[in-house]
């Protein structure tokens, strides 16, 4: 299933060892453009018996400008497509995506997948705006206007429901926000639609921090049909180099979540992206570059860097030098994905979800397909 490249390995030799054509290994792992294999690179090999886990619900976010060929890699394994995103005004009017979303809705249904309208409280600056959130959740008339507008949009545009992705909710709006989700669900369910909600990755009820304090796991779990744990961004643009979704940290969030929310309502988030930091890291100045997981391996191969694997974080990483500057990269590969899938399976979670589906990662989708027997 998974082979880790050693120094001196060749594609031909691996092909001979597993009895899988070189072209198949190259295609499955998107090795095009790689002049040679990177030491420590994990390859998905379509040979032998897969270690089966139970079939789980699989979802993921995509912007309407996603490249069709990239999206279609994931569609055969998905149950749901989260279309990102619709906004709203202080009066409760919907703000539609700038790019056409209807082609995604149609494509999802063609694959037998439920398309979900994602609602986000973005202000004019394109960032999460907690004043927008507060206005909606505290004003019954505006809240009702927004809910009715969402119902109309879902019905008219062919969505299966609404995914609420609000972040930085003020602590004083904690209960009102959960109440809004409950009201929205009541209306949507009555009309044959569903409501999910994205949750910041908390490890305790009283966890400090603006991203956490307005999120009540128990209430939101009760008021939504299912929840999406945003279990990523430990390693992030302005933070120090580390795994984006270290398994030990993800497990802490899941440990808490299952105490507050039934496991069968929980979707665990998985990142489909990587970060490339320049060293030394200086807080307030350093800024990591977002790259894809396939791109990360291509960089390692081109730079002659050996990929390491952190056993605690269950994440691959490497360093390299370019133009006299040292870089550190943390990313996801089939080993780290397998570990996350096994974690979700062990806890009996509803499934897993990806932020996001915009970057190619063919081996990931093939791995899911083989492990779940889909």
Protein backbone atom coordinates (compact mmCIF):
# COMPACT_ATOMS: atom_id res chain seq x y z
CA UNK A 1 0.00 0.00 0.00
CA UNK A 2 2.63 2.54 1.08
CA UNK A 3 6.33 2.39 0.25
CA UNK A 4 8.92 4.80 1.65
CA UNK A 5 11.77 5.53 -0.76
CA UNK A 6 15.32 4.75 0.40
CA UNK A 7 18.52 6.21 -1.00
CA UNK A 8 19.31 4.63 -4.36
CA UNK A 9 15.75 3.48 -5.06
CA UNK A 10 14.50 3.86 -8.62
CA UNK A 11 11.02 3.82 -10.04
CA UNK A 12 12.00 0.80 -12.12
CA UNK A 13 13.21 -1.12 -9.06
CA UNK A 14 10.08 -0.37 -7.07
CA UNK A 15 7.96 -1.37 -10.05
CA UNK A 16 9.76 -4.72 -10.24
CA UNK A 17 9.46 -5.33 -6.49
CA UNK A 18 5.70 -4.84 -6.37
CA UNK A 19 4.80 -5.99 -9.87
CA UNK A 20 3.11 -2.66 -10.63
CA UNK A 21 3.94 -0.86 -13.90
CA UNK A 22 6.15 2.20 -13.59
CA UNK A 23 3.52 4.25 -15.41
CA UNK A 24 0.89 3.32 -12.80
CA UNK A 25 3.10 4.34 -9.86
CA UNK A 26 4.05 7.53 -11.66
CA UNK A 27 0.40 8.38 -12.38
CA UNK A 28 -0.98 7.49 -8.95
CA UNK A 29 1.64 9.62 -7.18
CA UNK A 30 1.75 12.46 -9.72
CA UNK A 31 5.48 12.10 -10.24
CA UNK A 32 5.46 14.04 -13.51
CA UNK A 33 8.14 16.70 -13.43
CA UNK A 34 10.16 14.83 -10.78
CA UNK A 35 13.50 13.91 -12.32
CA UNK A 36 14.16 11.41 -9.51
CA UNK A 37 12.55 10.10 -6.34
CA UNK A 38 13.18 11.93 -3.08
CA UNK A 39 14.67 9.95 -0.23
CA UNK A 40 11.95 9.45 2.40
CA UNK A 41 9.14 10.04 -0.11
CA UNK A 42 6.03 7.93 0.60
CA UNK A 43 4.48 6.31 -2.46
CA UNK A 44 0.99 4.88 -2.81
CA UNK A 45 1.35 1.45 -4.42
CA UNK A 46 -1.72 -0.25 -5.89
CA UNK A 47 -0.63 -3.73 -4.85
CA UNK A 48 -1.50 -6.21 -2.11
CA UNK A 49 -4.48 -6.13 0.23
CA UNK A 50 -5.65 -2.82 1.65
CA UNK A 51 -6.02 -2.52 5.41
CA UNK A 52 -9.76 -1.93 5.47
CA UNK A 53 -11.51 0.60 7.65
CA UNK A 54 -15.26 1.13 7.73
CA UNK A 55 -16.68 3.36 4.99
CA UNK A 56 -16.99 6.91 6.29
CA UNK A 57 -18.65 10.11 5.15
CA UNK A 58 -16.18 12.23 3.15
CA UNK A 59 -16.60 15.91 2.43
CA UNK A 60 -14.49 18.88 1.40
CA UNK A 61 -14.54 22.59 0.62
CA UNK A 62 -14.06 24.04 -2.85
CA UNK A 63 -14.22 27.55 -4.29
CA UNK A 64 -16.27 27.98 -7.49
CA UNK A 65 -13.06 28.70 -9.42
CA UNK A 66 -11.59 25.27 -8.64
CA UNK A 67 -9.98 23.58 -11.63
CA UNK A 68 -12.46 20.97 -12.87
CA UNK A 69 -9.86 18.25 -13.49
CA UNK A 70 -8.45 18.66 -9.98
CA UNK A 71 -11.90 18.50 -8.39
CA UNK A 72 -12.88 15.43 -10.38
CA UNK A 73 -10.05 13.46 -8.74
CA UNK A 74 -11.95 13.67 -5.43
CA UNK A 75 -15.57 13.39 -6.56
CA UNK A 76 -15.77 9.56 -6.79
CA UNK A 77 -14.93 9.28 -3.06
CA UNK A 78 -16.94 12.26 -1.75
CA UNK A 79 -20.39 12.19 -0.17
CA UNK A 80 -20.69 15.96 0.05
CA UNK A 81 -19.24 19.08 -1.59
CA UNK A 82 -19.02 22.31 0.44
CA UNK A 83 -19.21 25.28 -1.93
CA UNK A 84 -17.25 28.20 -0.46
CA UNK A 85 -18.83 30.69 0.07
CA UNK A 86 -21.88 32.94 0.44
CA UNK A 87 -21.73 36.03 2.63
CA UNK A 88 -24.42 38.29 4.06
CA UNK A 89 -25.06 41.93 4.87
CA UNK A 90 -26.06 43.66 8.10
CA UNK A 91 -29.64 43.60 6.79
CA UNK A 92 -29.64 39.83 6.23
CA UNK A 93 -29.29 39.90 2.44
CA UNK A 94 -27.17 37.17 0.89
CA UNK A 95 -23.92 38.00 -0.91
CA UNK A 96 -23.40 35.50 -3.70
CA UNK A 97 -19.96 34.19 -4.76
CA UNK A 98 -18.25 36.28 -7.41
CA UNK A 99 -17.67 33.18 -9.54
CA UNK A 100 -20.53 30.99 -10.77
CA UNK A 101 -21.40 28.30 -8.22
CA UNK A 102 -24.13 26.54 -10.19
CA UNK A 103 -21.73 24.40 -12.22
CA UNK A 104 -20.44 22.92 -8.96
CA UNK A 105 -23.99 22.18 -7.79
CA UNK A 106 -24.79 20.42 -11.06
CA UNK A 107 -21.51 18.50 -11.11
CA UNK A 108 -22.01 17.33 -7.51
CA UNK A 109 -25.49 15.95 -8.21
CA UNK A 110 -24.18 14.25 -11.36
CA UNK A 111 -21.78 12.31 -9.11
CA UNK A 112 -24.50 11.59 -6.54
CA UNK A 113 -22.93 14.03 -4.07
CA UNK A 114 -24.78 16.53 -1.86
CA UNK A 115 -23.71 20.14 -2.58
CA UNK A 116 -23.81 22.39 0.50
CA UNK A 117 -24.03 26.19 0.51
CA UNK A 118 -21.31 27.52 2.83
CA UNK A 119 -22.24 30.67 4.78
CA UNK A 120 -19.40 32.90 6.01
CA UNK A 121 -19.44 36.30 7.77
CA UNK A 122 -16.80 38.06 5.67
CA UNK A 123 -16.55 41.82 5.94
CA UNK A 124 -15.51 44.24 3.13
CA UNK A 125 -11.86 43.39 3.88
CA UNK A 126 -12.45 39.72 3.14
CA UNK A 127 -11.87 38.70 6.77
CA UNK A 128 -14.19 37.17 9.35
CA UNK A 129 -16.26 39.97 10.92
CA UNK A 130 -17.68 39.32 14.39
CA UNK A 131 -19.82 42.49 14.23
CA UNK A 132 -21.68 40.91 11.32
CA UNK A 133 -22.12 37.77 13.40
CA UNK A 134 -23.35 39.70 16.42
CA UNK A 135 -25.90 41.64 14.37
CA UNK A 136 -27.40 38.47 12.94
CA UNK A 137 -27.53 36.39 16.10
CA UNK A 138 -28.81 39.18 18.37
CA UNK A 139 -31.49 40.69 16.08
CA UNK A 140 -34.47 38.36 15.55
CA UNK A 141 -35.87 40.24 12.54
CA UNK A 142 -32.55 40.32 10.65
CA UNK A 143 -31.86 36.72 11.62
CA UNK A 144 -35.22 35.63 10.21
CA UNK A 145 -34.56 37.57 7.00
CA UNK A 146 -31.22 35.81 6.53
CA UNK A 147 -32.74 32.38 7.21
CA UNK A 148 -35.52 32.96 4.69
CA UNK A 149 -33.00 34.19 2.12
CA UNK A 150 -30.92 31.08 2.70
CA UNK A 151 -33.97 28.87 2.24
CA UNK A 152 -34.76 30.59 -1.05
CA UNK A 153 -31.16 30.27 -2.28
CA UNK A 154 -30.91 26.60 -1.31
CA UNK A 155 -34.21 25.80 -3.01
CA UNK A 156 -33.60 27.86 -6.15
CA UNK A 157 -29.96 26.88 -6.70
CA UNK A 158 -30.32 23.18 -5.94
CA UNK A 159 -28.31 22.86 -2.73
CA UNK A 160 -28.81 20.08 -0.18
CA UNK A 161 -28.42 22.42 2.78
CA UNK A 162 -26.24 24.98 4.52
CA UNK A 163 -22.85 24.72 6.20
CA UNK A 164 -22.29 27.55 8.72
CA UNK A 165 -18.62 28.55 8.91
CA UNK A 166 -18.40 31.41 11.45
CA UNK A 167 -15.12 32.16 13.21
CA UNK A 168 -14.08 34.62 15.94
CA UNK A 169 -17.54 34.65 17.52
CA UNK A 170 -17.55 36.99 20.52
CA UNK A 171 -17.82 35.21 23.89
CA UNK A 172 -21.03 37.09 24.74
CA UNK A 173 -22.63 35.74 21.54
CA UNK A 174 -21.88 32.12 22.37
CA UNK A 175 -25.44 30.99 23.18
CA UNK A 176 -27.11 33.28 20.63
CA UNK A 177 -24.88 31.89 17.88
CA UNK A 178 -25.80 28.32 18.79
CA UNK A 179 -29.44 29.44 18.85
CA UNK A 180 -29.12 30.83 15.32
CA UNK A 181 -27.77 27.49 14.09
CA UNK A 182 -30.70 25.74 15.77
CA UNK A 183 -33.25 28.07 14.18
CA UNK A 184 -31.65 27.64 10.78
CA UNK A 185 -31.69 23.87 11.15
CA UNK A 186 -35.35 23.85 12.18
CA UNK A 187 -36.37 25.75 9.05
CA UNK A 188 -34.09 23.79 6.75
CA UNK A 189 -35.08 20.37 8.13
CA UNK A 190 -38.76 21.26 7.78
CA UNK A 191 -38.12 21.82 4.07
CA UNK A 192 -36.00 18.71 3.51
CA UNK A 193 -32.53 20.27 3.86
CA UNK A 194 -29.70 19.82 6.38
CA UNK A 195 -27.41 22.13 8.37
CA UNK A 196 -23.81 21.55 9.39
CA UNK A 197 -21.46 23.82 11.32
CA UNK A 198 -17.67 24.23 11.29
CA UNK A 199 -16.03 24.27 14.73
CA UNK A 200 -12.69 25.71 15.84
CA UNK A 201 -10.44 22.94 17.27
CA UNK A 202 -11.10 23.14 21.03
CA UNK A 203 -9.69 20.84 23.71
CA UNK A 204 -11.79 22.10 26.65
CA UNK A 205 -15.02 24.01 27.28
CA UNK A 206 -13.28 27.04 28.79
CA UNK A 207 -10.35 27.24 26.35
CA UNK A 208 -9.22 30.89 26.14
CA UNK A 209 -8.81 32.78 22.88
CA UNK A 210 -11.17 34.66 20.57
CA UNK A 211 -11.32 31.81 18.07
CA UNK A 212 -12.56 29.42 20.81
CA UNK A 213 -14.60 31.29 23.41
CA UNK A 214 -17.72 31.84 21.30
CA UNK A 215 -17.92 28.19 20.22
CA UNK A 216 -20.02 25.89 22.44
CA UNK A 217 -19.44 22.33 21.30
CA UNK A 218 -22.36 20.86 23.23
CA UNK A 219 -24.96 23.39 22.05
CA UNK A 220 -23.75 23.47 18.46
CA UNK A 221 -23.59 19.69 18.35
CA UNK A 222 -27.21 19.57 19.50
CA UNK A 223 -28.37 22.26 17.07
CA UNK A 224 -26.71 21.02 13.85
CA UNK A 225 -27.20 17.84 11.83
CA UNK A 226 -23.44 17.33 11.94
CA UNK A 227 -20.27 19.27 12.71
CA UNK A 228 -16.93 19.78 10.96
CA UNK A 229 -13.90 19.98 13.28
CA UNK A 230 -11.29 22.33 11.80
CA UNK A 231 -8.42 20.17 13.03
CA UNK A 232 -5.60 21.95 11.21
CA UNK A 233 -3.56 25.17 11.32
CA UNK A 234 -1.27 24.36 14.25
CA UNK A 235 1.42 25.12 11.73
CA UNK A 236 0.20 28.30 10.02
CA UNK A 237 1.33 31.27 7.93
CA UNK A 238 2.59 33.46 10.78
CA UNK A 239 3.56 30.77 13.27
CA UNK A 240 6.74 28.75 13.75
CA UNK A 241 7.47 25.74 11.52
CA UNK A 242 5.53 22.67 12.62
CA UNK A 243 3.02 20.15 11.31
CA UNK A 244 -0.20 21.68 10.01
CA UNK A 245 -2.28 18.94 11.65
CA UNK A 246 -0.09 17.00 14.12
CA UNK A 247 -1.89 13.79 15.02
CA UNK A 248 -1.28 14.17 18.76
CA UNK A 249 -2.98 17.60 18.70
CA UNK A 250 -5.80 16.38 16.48
CA UNK A 251 -6.42 13.53 18.95
CA UNK A 252 -6.73 16.00 21.83
CA UNK A 253 -9.50 17.85 19.97
CA UNK A 254 -11.33 14.63 19.11
CA UNK A 255 -11.00 13.45 22.73
CA UNK A 256 -12.84 16.57 23.87
CA UNK A 257 -15.33 16.65 20.99
CA UNK A 258 -16.69 13.15 21.64
CA UNK A 259 -17.44 14.13 25.24
CA UNK A 260 -19.74 16.91 24.03
CA UNK A 261 -21.06 15.68 20.65
CA UNK A 262 -22.11 12.17 19.51
CA UNK A 263 -19.25 10.68 17.50
CA UNK A 264 -21.60 9.81 14.65
CA UNK A 265 -22.21 13.56 14.11
CA UNK A 266 -18.51 14.53 13.94
CA UNK A 267 -16.47 15.06 10.78
CA UNK A 268 -12.72 15.44 11.40
CA UNK A 269 -10.91 17.99 9.24
CA UNK A 270 -7.81 17.13 7.19
CA UNK A 271 -5.58 19.73 5.47
CA UNK A 272 -4.85 19.40 1.76
CA UNK A 273 -2.02 21.92 1.77
CA UNK A 274 1.47 22.51 3.16
CA UNK A 275 3.66 25.38 4.38
CA UNK A 276 7.16 26.41 3.35
CA UNK A 277 8.90 28.59 6.00
CA UNK A 278 12.15 30.50 5.66
CA UNK A 279 14.59 30.22 8.56
CA UNK A 280 15.34 31.55 11.06
CA UNK A 281 11.72 32.09 12.08
CA UNK A 282 11.01 35.54 13.54
CA UNK A 283 7.59 36.06 15.09
CA UNK A 284 5.86 39.10 13.66
CA UNK A 285 8.05 39.11 10.58
CA UNK A 286 8.23 35.60 9.15
CA UNK A 287 5.49 34.47 6.77
CA UNK A 288 5.22 30.92 5.44
CA UNK A 289 4.27 30.25 1.84
CA UNK A 290 1.27 27.99 1.19
CA UNK A 291 2.03 25.14 -1.23
CA UNK A 292 0.43 21.84 -2.22
CA UNK A 293 1.37 18.43 -0.86
CA UNK A 294 2.44 17.18 -4.30
CA UNK A 295 4.41 20.40 -4.80
CA UNK A 296 6.20 19.85 -1.48
CA UNK A 297 7.59 16.50 -2.65
CA UNK A 298 8.61 18.02 -5.97
CA UNK A 299 10.60 20.67 -4.09
CA UNK A 300 12.32 18.01 -1.96
CA UNK A 301 13.29 16.03 -5.05
CA UNK A 302 14.53 19.09 -6.94
CA UNK A 303 16.58 20.31 -3.97
CA UNK A 304 17.98 16.88 -3.09
CA UNK A 305 16.40 17.06 0.38
CA UNK A 306 15.72 13.92 2.41
CA UNK A 307 12.16 13.77 3.77
CA UNK A 308 11.88 12.98 7.47
CA UNK A 309 8.80 11.68 9.30
CA UNK A 310 7.87 12.89 12.78
CA UNK A 311 6.53 9.91 14.72
CA UNK A 312 4.65 12.01 17.27
CA UNK A 313 3.01 14.42 14.82
CA UNK A 314 2.78 11.63 12.21
CA UNK A 315 3.76 14.21 9.60
CA UNK A 316 6.51 14.44 6.95
CA UNK A 317 8.90 17.38 6.77
CA UNK A 318 12.25 18.45 5.31
CA UNK A 319 14.66 21.35 5.07
CA UNK A 320 16.52 22.74 2.06
CA UNK A 321 18.66 25.70 1.03
CA UNK A 322 17.87 28.04 -1.85
CA UNK A 323 19.73 31.24 -2.76
CA UNK A 324 21.54 31.16 0.58
CA UNK A 325 18.28 30.92 2.58
CA UNK A 326 17.24 27.83 4.55
CA UNK A 327 13.66 26.59 4.27
CA UNK A 328 11.57 24.18 6.36
CA UNK A 329 8.54 22.43 4.88
CA UNK A 330 5.77 20.47 6.63
CA UNK A 331 3.17 18.69 4.53
CA UNK A 332 0.83 15.69 4.29
CA UNK A 333 1.52 12.39 2.53
CA UNK A 334 -0.19 9.01 2.36
CA UNK A 335 1.36 7.99 5.70
CA UNK A 336 -0.02 10.99 7.56
CA UNK A 337 -3.39 10.65 5.81
CA UNK A 338 -3.61 6.96 6.72
CA UNK A 339 -2.89 7.81 10.37
CA UNK A 340 -5.69 10.41 10.38
CA UNK A 341 -8.16 8.02 8.76
CA UNK A 342 -7.33 5.35 11.32
CA UNK A 343 -7.88 7.89 14.12
CA UNK A 344 -11.32 8.86 12.77
CA UNK A 345 -12.21 5.19 12.40
CA UNK A 346 -11.03 4.29 15.91
CA UNK A 347 -13.25 6.98 17.46
CA UNK A 348 -16.25 5.93 15.40
CA UNK A 349 -16.57 9.38 13.82
CA UNK A 350 -19.06 10.14 11.07
CA UNK A 351 -16.20 10.82 8.68
CA UNK A 352 -13.50 13.18 7.47
CA UNK A 353 -13.49 16.46 5.57
CA UNK A 354 -10.86 18.34 3.59
CA UNK A 355 -9.81 21.95 3.59
CA UNK A 356 -9.66 22.12 0.72
CA UNK A 357 -10.12 20.45 -2.67
CA UNK A 358 -8.30 23.11 -4.69
CA UNK A 359 -4.91 21.37 -4.95
CA UNK A 360 -4.06 18.03 -6.58
CA UNK A 361 -3.42 15.05 -4.27
CA UNK A 362 -4.35 11.96 -6.29
CA UNK A 363 -2.67 9.44 -3.98
CA UNK A 364 -4.85 10.66 -1.11
CA UNK A 365 -8.08 9.87 -2.97
CA UNK A 366 -6.80 6.51 -4.14
CA UNK A 367 -5.82 5.66 -0.56
CA UNK A 368 -9.28 6.55 0.76
CA UNK A 369 -10.89 4.52 -1.98
CA UNK A 370 -8.84 1.43 -1.22
CA UNK A 371 -8.99 1.66 2.59
CA UNK A 372 -12.75 2.15 2.68
CA UNK A 373 -13.46 -0.25 -0.15
CA UNK A 374 -15.51 2.42 -1.93
